Amino acid sequence: MILRAIAMACGLTGAVGLSQFPEFSQQYTQRLSGAVKELETIVARFDADAAGLGLTRAAALEDLAHGSAMGAARAQSMGQVLARHDRLQHALRDLSGTSSWHKALNMRRFADAELVRDTWTAYRPALPVTAEGLGFAAAGFILGYGLIGGALSGLGRLTIRRRQTARQG
């Protein structure tokens, strides 16, 4: 009876926890979209400045790097901005318009630590009322109940076998 109560509590914990994923992923995707838009503005300005001087993006970075110490530092930081923009743009493309189930299976697209941290900081749990939220709740319950229930059941069987062996021996 106690083992069943523990398994039920773990199942409910899993249901509540996993049911939050659709909303968290939606909020992360919104932040990701905002970050991409802001970086697009910065990249467009850089590209426009380079084009105004008759340079490609790569040539502009190279020219900047060979200037002063500040220019070299700025070239390095702009290179990082361009790389982050590219990375976030690909992640947004892969996450946009997909279901929460697809997002859960592609967790590697939630790779920007800063965005995950900011989303988590602002996130407030909510009662899932969408079909996806309820589906994640059901999956969380099954996982929580099944894993803990199975583990506790296996431990119980081992204990019974050891007692039987001890009595026979």
N, C-alpha and C. Protein backbone atom coordinates (compact mmCIF):
# COMPACT_ATOMS: atom_id res chain seq x y z
N MET A 1 0.82 -1.20 0.00
CA MET A 1 0.00 0.00 0.00
C MET A 1 0.86 1.26 0.00
N ILE A 2 1.91 1.27 0.81
CA ILE A 2 2.79 2.43 0.88
C ILE A 2 3.53 2.59 -0.45
N LEU A 3 3.98 1.47 -1.01
CA LEU A 3 4.69 1.54 -2.28
C LEU A 3 3.79 2.09 -3.38
N ARG A 4 2.54 1.71 -3.38
CA ARG A 4 1.60 2.21 -4.38
C ARG A 4 1.37 3.71 -4.19
N ALA A 5 1.32 4.17 -2.96
CA ALA A 5 1.14 5.60 -2.68
C ALA A 5 2.37 6.39 -3.14
N ILE A 6 3.55 5.83 -2.92
CA ILE A 6 4.78 6.49 -3.37
C ILE A 6 4.80 6.57 -4.89
N ALA A 7 4.45 5.46 -5.54
CA ALA A 7 4.41 5.45 -7.01
C ALA A 7 3.38 6.44 -7.53
N MET A 8 2.23 6.53 -6.88
CA MET A 8 1.19 7.48 -7.29
C MET A 8 1.70 8.91 -7.14
N ALA A 9 2.37 9.20 -6.02
CA ALA A 9 2.92 10.55 -5.80
C ALA A 9 3.95 10.89 -6.88
N CYS A 10 4.79 9.93 -7.23
CA CYS A 10 5.79 10.15 -8.29
C CYS A 10 5.11 10.34 -9.64
N GLY A 11 4.05 9.60 -9.88
CA GLY A 11 3.30 9.76 -11.11
C GLY A 11 2.68 11.14 -11.21
N LEU A 12 2.09 11.61 -10.12
CA LEU A 12 1.49 12.94 -10.12
C LEU A 12 2.55 14.03 -10.27
N THR A 13 3.69 13.83 -9.63
CA THR A 13 4.80 14.77 -9.77
C THR A 13 5.27 14.82 -11.22
N GLY A 14 5.40 13.67 -11.83
CA GLY A 14 5.79 13.61 -13.24
C GLY A 14 4.75 14.29 -14.12
N ALA A 15 3.48 14.09 -13.83
CA ALA A 15 2.41 14.70 -14.62
C ALA A 15 2.46 16.21 -14.53
N VAL A 16 2.59 16.73 -13.32
CA VAL A 16 2.65 18.18 -13.14
C VAL A 16 3.90 18.75 -13.81
N GLY A 17 5.02 18.09 -13.60
CA GLY A 17 6.27 18.59 -14.16
C GLY A 17 6.28 18.58 -15.68
N LEU A 18 5.95 17.48 -16.28
CA LEU A 18 6.03 17.36 -17.74
C LEU A 18 4.93 18.17 -18.44
N SER A 19 3.81 18.39 -17.75
CA SER A 19 2.72 19.17 -18.36
C SER A 19 3.13 20.62 -18.60
N GLN A 20 4.19 21.07 -17.95
CA GLN A 20 4.65 22.45 -18.10
C GLN A 20 5.48 22.66 -19.36
N PHE A 21 5.95 21.59 -19.98
CA PHE A 21 6.84 21.73 -21.12
C PHE A 21 6.25 22.51 -22.29
N PRO A 22 5.00 22.26 -22.70
CA PRO A 22 4.48 23.02 -23.85
C PRO A 22 4.53 24.54 -23.64
N GLU A 23 4.16 25.01 -22.47
CA GLU A 23 4.17 26.45 -22.21
C GLU A 23 5.60 26.97 -22.11
N PHE A 24 6.48 26.22 -21.46
CA PHE A 24 7.87 26.64 -21.37
C PHE A 24 8.48 26.74 -22.77
N SER A 25 8.23 25.74 -23.60
CA SER A 25 8.81 25.76 -24.95
C SER A 25 8.24 26.90 -25.78
N GLN A 26 6.97 27.23 -25.57
CA GLN A 26 6.37 28.35 -26.29
C GLN A 26 7.02 29.66 -25.85
N GLN A 27 7.24 29.83 -24.56
CA GLN A 27 7.88 31.05 -24.07
C GLN A 27 9.34 31.12 -24.52
N TYR A 28 10.02 30.01 -24.54
CA TYR A 28 11.40 29.98 -25.03
C TYR A 28 11.44 30.38 -26.50
N THR A 29 10.50 29.85 -27.29
CA THR A 29 10.45 30.16 -28.71
C THR A 29 10.18 31.66 -28.93
N GLN A 30 9.34 32.25 -28.09
CA GLN A 30 9.10 33.69 -28.19
C GLN A 30 10.38 34.48 -27.91
N ARG A 31 11.09 34.10 -26.86
CA ARG A 31 12.35 34.79 -26.54
C ARG A 31 13.37 34.58 -27.65
N LEU A 32 13.42 33.38 -28.18
CA LEU A 32 14.34 33.07 -29.28
C LEU A 32 14.02 33.96 -30.48
N SER A 33 12.76 34.10 -30.80
CA SER A 33 12.34 34.94 -31.92
C SER A 33 12.76 36.39 -31.69
N GLY A 34 12.58 36.89 -30.48
CA GLY A 34 12.98 38.25 -30.16
C GLY A 34 14.48 38.45 -30.27
N ALA A 35 15.24 37.47 -29.81
CA ALA A 35 16.70 37.56 -29.90
C ALA A 35 17.15 37.56 -31.35
N VAL A 36 16.54 36.71 -32.17
CA VAL A 36 16.91 36.65 -33.59
C VAL A 36 16.59 37.99 -34.26
N LYS A 37 15.43 38.56 -33.96
CA LYS A 37 15.07 39.85 -34.57
C LYS A 37 16.06 40.94 -34.17
N GLU A 38 16.44 40.98 -32.92
CA GLU A 38 17.40 42.00 -32.47
C GLU A 38 18.77 41.79 -33.12
N LEU A 39 19.20 40.55 -33.20
CA LEU A 39 20.48 40.28 -33.86
C LEU A 39 20.42 40.59 -35.35
N GLU A 40 19.26 40.37 -35.97
CA GLU A 40 19.12 40.70 -37.39
C GLU A 40 19.35 42.19 -37.63
N THR A 41 18.88 43.02 -36.71
CA THR A 41 19.09 44.46 -36.81
C THR A 41 20.57 44.80 -36.75
N ILE A 42 21.28 44.19 -35.83
CA ILE A 42 22.72 44.44 -35.66
C ILE A 42 23.49 43.94 -36.90
N VAL A 43 23.15 42.75 -37.36
CA VAL A 43 23.82 42.18 -38.53
C VAL A 43 23.54 43.02 -39.77
N ALA A 44 22.31 43.48 -39.93
CA ALA A 44 21.96 44.30 -41.09
C ALA A 44 22.74 45.62 -41.09
N ARG A 45 22.90 46.22 -39.91
CA ARG A 45 23.69 47.46 -39.82
C ARG A 45 25.14 47.21 -40.19
N PHE A 46 25.70 46.12 -39.69
CA PHE A 46 27.09 45.79 -39.99
C PHE A 46 27.26 45.55 -41.49
N ASP A 47 26.34 44.76 -42.07
CA ASP A 47 26.41 44.47 -43.50
C ASP A 47 26.26 45.75 -44.33
N ALA A 48 25.39 46.65 -43.89
CA ALA A 48 25.20 47.92 -44.61
C ALA A 48 26.46 48.77 -44.53
N ASP A 49 27.09 48.82 -43.37
CA ASP A 49 28.35 49.57 -43.24
C ASP A 49 29.42 48.98 -44.15
N ALA A 50 29.50 47.66 -44.16
CA ALA A 50 30.49 46.99 -45.02
C ALA A 50 30.20 47.28 -46.49
N ALA A 51 28.95 47.17 -46.89
CA ALA A 51 28.58 47.41 -48.28
C ALA A 51 28.86 48.86 -48.68
N GLY A 52 28.64 49.78 -47.73
CA GLY A 52 28.92 51.19 -47.99
C GLY A 52 30.39 51.44 -48.29
N LEU A 53 31.25 50.57 -47.81
CA LEU A 53 32.68 50.68 -48.07
C LEU A 53 33.12 49.74 -49.18
N GLY A 54 32.15 49.05 -49.78
CA GLY A 54 32.47 48.13 -50.87
C GLY A 54 33.08 46.83 -50.38
N LEU A 55 32.76 46.43 -49.14
CA LEU A 55 33.34 45.22 -48.56
C LEU A 55 32.27 44.16 -48.33
N THR A 56 32.69 42.91 -48.38
CA THR A 56 31.82 41.81 -47.96
C THR A 56 31.88 41.75 -46.44
N ARG A 57 31.01 40.96 -45.85
CA ARG A 57 31.02 40.80 -44.40
C ARG A 57 32.38 40.28 -43.93
N ALA A 58 32.90 39.26 -44.59
CA ALA A 58 34.19 38.67 -44.19
C ALA A 58 35.31 39.68 -44.34
N ALA A 59 35.30 40.44 -45.44
CA ALA A 59 36.34 41.44 -45.67
C ALA A 59 36.25 42.56 -44.63
N ALA A 60 35.03 42.93 -44.26
CA ALA A 60 34.85 43.97 -43.24
C ALA A 60 35.39 43.50 -41.89
N LEU A 61 35.14 42.26 -41.54
CA LEU A 61 35.68 41.72 -40.27
C LEU A 61 37.21 41.72 -40.31
N GLU A 62 37.75 41.31 -41.43
CA GLU A 62 39.21 41.27 -41.58
C GLU A 62 39.81 42.68 -41.49
N ASP A 63 39.19 43.64 -42.17
CA ASP A 63 39.65 45.02 -42.14
C ASP A 63 39.58 45.58 -40.72
N LEU A 64 38.51 45.30 -40.04
CA LEU A 64 38.33 45.76 -38.67
C LEU A 64 39.38 45.15 -37.75
N ALA A 65 39.66 43.88 -37.95
CA ALA A 65 40.62 43.17 -37.10
C ALA A 65 42.04 43.72 -37.24
N HIS A 66 42.37 44.27 -38.41
CA HIS A 66 43.72 44.78 -38.63
C HIS A 66 43.87 46.26 -38.29
N GLY A 67 42.82 46.84 -37.72
CA GLY A 67 42.89 48.24 -37.30
C GLY A 67 43.55 48.34 -35.94
N SER A 68 43.01 49.13 -35.10
CA SER A 68 43.55 49.32 -33.74
C SER A 68 43.20 48.13 -32.86
N ALA A 69 43.66 48.18 -31.62
CA ALA A 69 43.33 47.12 -30.65
C ALA A 69 41.82 47.07 -30.44
N MET A 70 41.19 48.24 -30.43
CA MET A 70 39.73 48.29 -30.29
C MET A 70 39.07 47.65 -31.50
N GLY A 71 39.61 47.91 -32.67
CA GLY A 71 39.07 47.31 -33.89
C GLY A 71 39.17 45.80 -33.86
N ALA A 72 40.31 45.30 -33.38
CA ALA A 72 40.49 43.85 -33.29
C ALA A 72 39.49 43.25 -32.31
N ALA A 73 39.30 43.91 -31.18
CA ALA A 73 38.34 43.42 -30.18
C ALA A 73 36.92 43.46 -30.75
N ARG A 74 36.62 44.53 -31.47
CA ARG A 74 35.28 44.67 -32.07
C ARG A 74 35.06 43.62 -33.16
N ALA A 75 36.07 43.32 -33.92
CA ALA A 75 35.96 42.29 -34.95
C ALA A 75 35.67 40.93 -34.32
N GLN A 76 36.34 40.65 -33.21
CA GLN A 76 36.13 39.37 -32.52
C GLN A 76 34.70 39.31 -31.97
N SER A 77 34.25 40.37 -31.30
CA SER A 77 32.90 40.34 -30.72
C SER A 77 31.83 40.31 -31.82
N MET A 78 32.07 41.00 -32.93
CA MET A 78 31.10 40.98 -34.03
C MET A 78 31.06 39.59 -34.66
N GLY A 79 32.20 38.93 -34.72
CA GLY A 79 32.22 37.54 -35.20
C GLY A 79 31.38 36.64 -34.33
N GLN A 80 31.43 36.86 -33.01
CA GLN A 80 30.62 36.08 -32.08
C GLN A 80 29.13 36.39 -32.26
N VAL A 81 28.81 37.67 -32.49
CA VAL A 81 27.42 38.06 -32.73
C VAL A 81 26.89 37.38 -33.99
N LEU A 82 27.70 37.39 -35.05
CA LEU A 82 27.29 36.76 -36.31
C LEU A 82 27.09 35.25 -36.13
N ALA A 83 27.97 34.62 -35.38
CA ALA A 83 27.84 33.17 -35.14
C ALA A 83 26.60 32.86 -34.31
N ARG A 84 26.34 33.68 -33.29
CA ARG A 84 25.16 33.47 -32.44
C ARG A 84 23.89 33.70 -33.26
N HIS A 85 23.89 34.72 -34.08
CA HIS A 85 22.73 34.98 -34.93
C HIS A 85 22.44 33.78 -35.82
N ASP A 86 23.47 33.24 -36.43
CA ASP A 86 23.31 32.08 -37.30
C ASP A 86 22.75 30.88 -36.52
N ARG A 87 23.33 30.63 -35.35
CA ARG A 87 22.91 29.50 -34.51
C ARG A 87 21.45 29.66 -34.07
N LEU A 88 21.09 30.86 -33.59
CA LEU A 88 19.73 31.08 -33.11
C LEU A 88 18.73 31.07 -34.25
N GLN A 89 19.12 31.58 -35.40
CA GLN A 89 18.24 31.58 -36.56
C GLN A 89 17.91 30.15 -36.99
N HIS A 90 18.90 29.27 -36.98
CA HIS A 90 18.66 27.86 -37.32
C HIS A 90 17.75 27.20 -36.28
N ALA A 91 18.00 27.49 -35.00
CA ALA A 91 17.16 26.91 -33.94
C ALA A 91 15.72 27.39 -34.08
N LEU A 92 15.53 28.67 -34.34
CA LEU A 92 14.18 29.21 -34.50
C LEU A 92 13.48 28.57 -35.69
N ARG A 93 14.17 28.43 -36.78
CA ARG A 93 13.59 27.79 -37.97
C ARG A 93 13.16 26.36 -37.64
N ASP A 94 13.97 25.64 -36.87
CA ASP A 94 13.65 24.26 -36.54
C ASP A 94 12.50 24.14 -35.53
N LEU A 95 12.33 25.16 -34.67
CA LEU A 95 11.28 25.09 -33.65
C LEU A 95 9.96 25.72 -34.08
N SER A 96 10.00 26.67 -34.98
CA SER A 96 8.79 27.40 -35.39
C SER A 96 7.80 26.49 -36.09
N GLY A 97 6.55 26.62 -35.67
CA GLY A 97 5.48 25.87 -36.32
C GLY A 97 5.46 24.39 -36.03
N THR A 98 6.25 23.95 -35.05
CA THR A 98 6.26 22.52 -34.71
C THR A 98 5.48 22.29 -33.42
N SER A 99 5.06 21.08 -33.23
CA SER A 99 4.32 20.73 -32.02
C SER A 99 5.27 20.63 -30.83
N SER A 100 4.70 20.66 -29.65
CA SER A 100 5.50 20.50 -28.44
C SER A 100 6.16 19.13 -28.40
N TRP A 101 5.52 18.14 -28.98
CA TRP A 101 6.11 16.80 -29.02
C TRP A 101 7.39 16.82 -29.86
N HIS A 102 7.33 17.52 -30.99
CA HIS A 102 8.51 17.65 -31.85
C HIS A 102 9.61 18.41 -31.10
N LYS A 103 9.22 19.46 -30.40
CA LYS A 103 10.20 20.24 -29.64
C LYS A 103 10.85 19.39 -28.55
N ALA A 104 10.06 18.57 -27.89
CA ALA A 104 10.60 17.72 -26.83
C ALA A 104 11.60 16.71 -27.41
N LEU A 105 11.34 16.24 -28.60
CA LEU A 105 12.25 15.29 -29.23
C LEU A 105 13.49 15.97 -29.81
N ASN A 106 13.46 17.29 -29.92
CA ASN A 106 14.59 18.06 -30.45
C ASN A 106 15.09 19.04 -29.39
N MET A 107 15.28 18.56 -28.19
CA MET A 107 15.71 19.41 -27.08
C MET A 107 17.04 20.11 -27.36
N ARG A 108 17.84 19.59 -28.26
CA ARG A 108 19.12 20.21 -28.57
C ARG A 108 18.93 21.60 -29.14
N ARG A 109 17.74 21.91 -29.63
CA ARG A 109 17.45 23.24 -30.16
C ARG A 109 17.23 24.26 -29.05
N PHE A 110 17.17 23.79 -27.80
CA PHE A 110 17.06 24.68 -26.64
C PHE A 110 18.46 24.88 -26.06
N ALA A 111 19.42 25.10 -26.94
CA ALA A 111 20.83 25.07 -26.56
C ALA A 111 21.38 26.41 -26.09
N ASP A 112 20.65 27.50 -26.25
CA ASP A 112 21.18 28.79 -25.83
C ASP A 112 20.95 28.95 -24.33
N ALA A 113 22.02 28.79 -23.56
CA ALA A 113 21.93 28.79 -22.10
C ALA A 113 21.33 30.09 -21.57
N GLU A 114 21.69 31.20 -22.17
CA GLU A 114 21.18 32.50 -21.71
C GLU A 114 19.67 32.59 -21.88
N LEU A 115 19.17 32.15 -23.03
CA LEU A 115 17.72 32.18 -23.27
C LEU A 115 16.98 31.19 -22.37
N VAL A 116 17.54 30.01 -22.18
CA VAL A 116 16.91 29.03 -21.29
C VAL A 116 16.83 29.60 -19.87
N ARG A 117 17.94 30.18 -19.40
CA ARG A 117 17.97 30.75 -18.05
C ARG A 117 16.95 31.89 -17.91
N ASP A 118 16.92 32.79 -18.89
CA ASP A 118 15.97 33.91 -18.82
C ASP A 118 14.53 33.44 -18.89
N THR A 119 14.26 32.44 -19.72
CA THR A 119 12.90 31.89 -19.82
C THR A 119 12.52 31.24 -18.50
N TRP A 120 13.42 30.46 -17.93
CA TRP A 120 13.14 29.78 -16.67
C TRP A 120 12.92 30.78 -15.53
N THR A 121 13.71 31.85 -15.52
CA THR A 121 13.58 32.87 -14.48
C THR A 121 12.20 33.52 -14.53
N ALA A 122 11.71 33.81 -15.71
CA ALA A 122 10.43 34.49 -15.87
C ALA A 122 9.24 33.53 -15.88
N TYR A 123 9.50 32.24 -16.01
CA TYR A 123 8.42 31.26 -16.17
C TYR A 123 7.65 31.05 -14.87
N ARG A 124 6.33 30.97 -14.99
CA ARG A 124 5.46 30.65 -13.86
C ARG A 124 4.61 29.45 -14.26
N PRO A 125 4.63 28.38 -13.46
CA PRO A 125 3.84 27.19 -13.81
C PRO A 125 2.36 27.53 -13.97
N ALA A 126 1.71 26.79 -14.85
CA ALA A 126 0.30 27.01 -15.12
C ALA A 126 -0.40 25.68 -15.29
N LEU A 127 -1.69 25.70 -15.14
CA LEU A 127 -2.50 24.50 -15.33
C LEU A 127 -2.67 24.27 -16.83
N PRO A 128 -2.24 23.11 -17.32
CA PRO A 128 -2.33 22.86 -18.76
C PRO A 128 -3.77 22.56 -19.17
N VAL A 129 -4.28 23.29 -20.13
CA VAL A 129 -5.64 23.03 -20.59
C VAL A 129 -5.67 22.72 -22.09
N THR A 130 -4.52 22.70 -22.72
CA THR A 130 -4.46 22.33 -24.13
C THR A 130 -4.33 20.82 -24.24
N ALA A 131 -4.62 20.30 -25.41
CA ALA A 131 -4.47 18.86 -25.64
C ALA A 131 -3.01 18.46 -25.45
N GLU A 132 -2.08 19.29 -25.93
CA GLU A 132 -0.65 18.97 -25.76
C GLU A 132 -0.27 18.96 -24.29
N GLY A 133 -0.75 19.95 -23.53
CA GLY A 133 -0.44 20.00 -22.10
C GLY A 133 -0.96 18.77 -21.37
N LEU A 134 -2.18 18.37 -21.69
CA LEU A 134 -2.76 17.18 -21.07
C LEU A 134 -2.02 15.92 -21.51
N GLY A 135 -1.59 15.90 -22.77
CA GLY A 135 -0.82 14.75 -23.27
C GLY A 135 0.52 14.64 -22.55
N PHE A 136 1.19 15.78 -22.35
CA PHE A 136 2.45 15.76 -21.60
C PHE A 136 2.21 15.36 -20.15
N ALA A 137 1.09 15.79 -19.57
CA ALA A 137 0.76 15.40 -18.20
C ALA A 137 0.58 13.89 -18.12
N ALA A 138 -0.14 13.33 -19.07
CA ALA A 138 -0.35 11.88 -19.09
C ALA A 138 0.98 11.13 -19.24
N ALA A 139 1.82 11.63 -20.15
CA ALA A 139 3.13 10.99 -20.34
C ALA A 139 3.97 11.10 -19.06
N GLY A 140 3.93 12.26 -18.42
CA GLY A 140 4.67 12.44 -17.16
C GLY A 140 4.17 11.51 -16.07
N PHE A 141 2.85 11.34 -15.99
CA PHE A 141 2.30 10.42 -14.98
C PHE A 141 2.75 8.99 -15.25
N ILE A 142 2.64 8.59 -16.49
CA ILE A 142 3.04 7.21 -16.86
C ILE A 142 4.52 6.98 -16.57
N LEU A 143 5.36 7.96 -16.95
CA LEU A 143 6.79 7.82 -16.67
C LEU A 143 7.08 7.78 -15.18
N GLY A 144 6.52 8.74 -14.45
CA GLY A 144 6.78 8.81 -13.01
C GLY A 144 6.26 7.58 -12.28
N TYR A 145 5.02 7.20 -12.54
CA TYR A 145 4.42 6.05 -11.88
C TYR A 145 5.11 4.76 -12.33
N GLY A 146 5.35 4.66 -13.63
CA GLY A 146 5.94 3.43 -14.17
C GLY A 146 7.37 3.21 -13.68
N LEU A 147 8.19 4.25 -13.74
CA LEU A 147 9.58 4.10 -13.31
C LEU A 147 9.70 3.81 -11.82
N ILE A 148 9.04 4.61 -11.01
CA ILE A 148 9.13 4.40 -9.56
C ILE A 148 8.37 3.15 -9.14
N GLY A 149 7.18 2.97 -9.72
CA GLY A 149 6.40 1.77 -9.38
C GLY A 149 7.15 0.50 -9.76
N GLY A 150 7.76 0.51 -10.93
CA GLY A 150 8.54 -0.66 -11.37
C GLY A 150 9.76 -0.89 -10.50
N ALA A 151 10.45 0.18 -10.16
CA ALA A 151 11.64 0.05 -9.31
C ALA A 151 11.27 -0.46 -7.92
N LEU A 152 10.21 0.11 -7.35
CA LEU A 152 9.80 -0.32 -6.02
C LEU A 152 9.28 -1.75 -6.03
N SER A 153 8.58 -2.12 -7.08
CA SER A 153 8.08 -3.49 -7.22
C SER A 153 9.25 -4.46 -7.32
N GLY A 154 10.26 -4.09 -8.13
CA GLY A 154 11.45 -4.95 -8.25
C GLY A 154 12.18 -5.09 -6.93
N LEU A 155 12.30 -4.01 -6.18
CA LEU A 155 12.94 -4.08 -4.86
C LEU A 155 12.14 -4.94 -3.91
N GLY A 156 10.82 -4.84 -4.00
CA GLY A 156 9.96 -5.66 -3.15
C GLY A 156 10.13 -7.15 -3.45
N ARG A 157 10.23 -7.50 -4.71
CA ARG A 157 10.42 -8.90 -5.10
C ARG A 157 11.77 -9.42 -4.62
N LEU A 158 12.81 -8.58 -4.74
CA LEU A 158 14.13 -8.98 -4.24
C LEU A 158 14.10 -9.25 -2.74
N THR A 159 13.42 -8.39 -2.02
CA THR A 159 13.33 -8.55 -0.57
C THR A 159 12.61 -9.84 -0.22
N ILE A 160 11.52 -10.14 -0.92
CA ILE A 160 10.77 -11.38 -0.66
C ILE A 160 11.63 -12.59 -0.97
N ARG A 161 12.36 -12.58 -2.08
CA ARG A 161 13.23 -13.70 -2.44
C ARG A 161 14.31 -13.90 -1.40
N ARG A 162 14.91 -12.81 -0.94
CA ARG A 162 15.97 -12.93 0.08
C ARG A 162 15.41 -13.53 1.38
N ARG A 163 14.21 -13.13 1.75
CA ARG A 163 13.59 -13.69 2.97
C ARG A 163 13.32 -15.18 2.78
N GLN A 164 12.84 -15.55 1.58
CA GLN A 164 12.55 -16.95 1.34
C GLN A 164 13.84 -17.77 1.33
N THR A 165 14.90 -17.22 0.74
CA THR A 165 16.19 -17.90 0.70
C THR A 165 16.74 -18.05 2.11
N ALA A 166 16.59 -17.02 2.91
CA ALA A 166 17.10 -17.05 4.28
C ALA A 166 16.35 -18.10 5.11
N ARG A 167 15.07 -18.24 4.90
CA ARG A 167 14.26 -19.21 5.63
C ARG A 167 14.63 -20.65 5.22
N GLN A 168 14.92 -20.84 3.93
CA GLN A 168 15.24 -22.17 3.44
C GLN A 168 16.65 -22.60 3.82
N GLY A 169 17.55 -21.59 3.94
CA GLY A 169 18.96 -21.89 4.17
C GLY A 169 19.28 -22.03 5.56
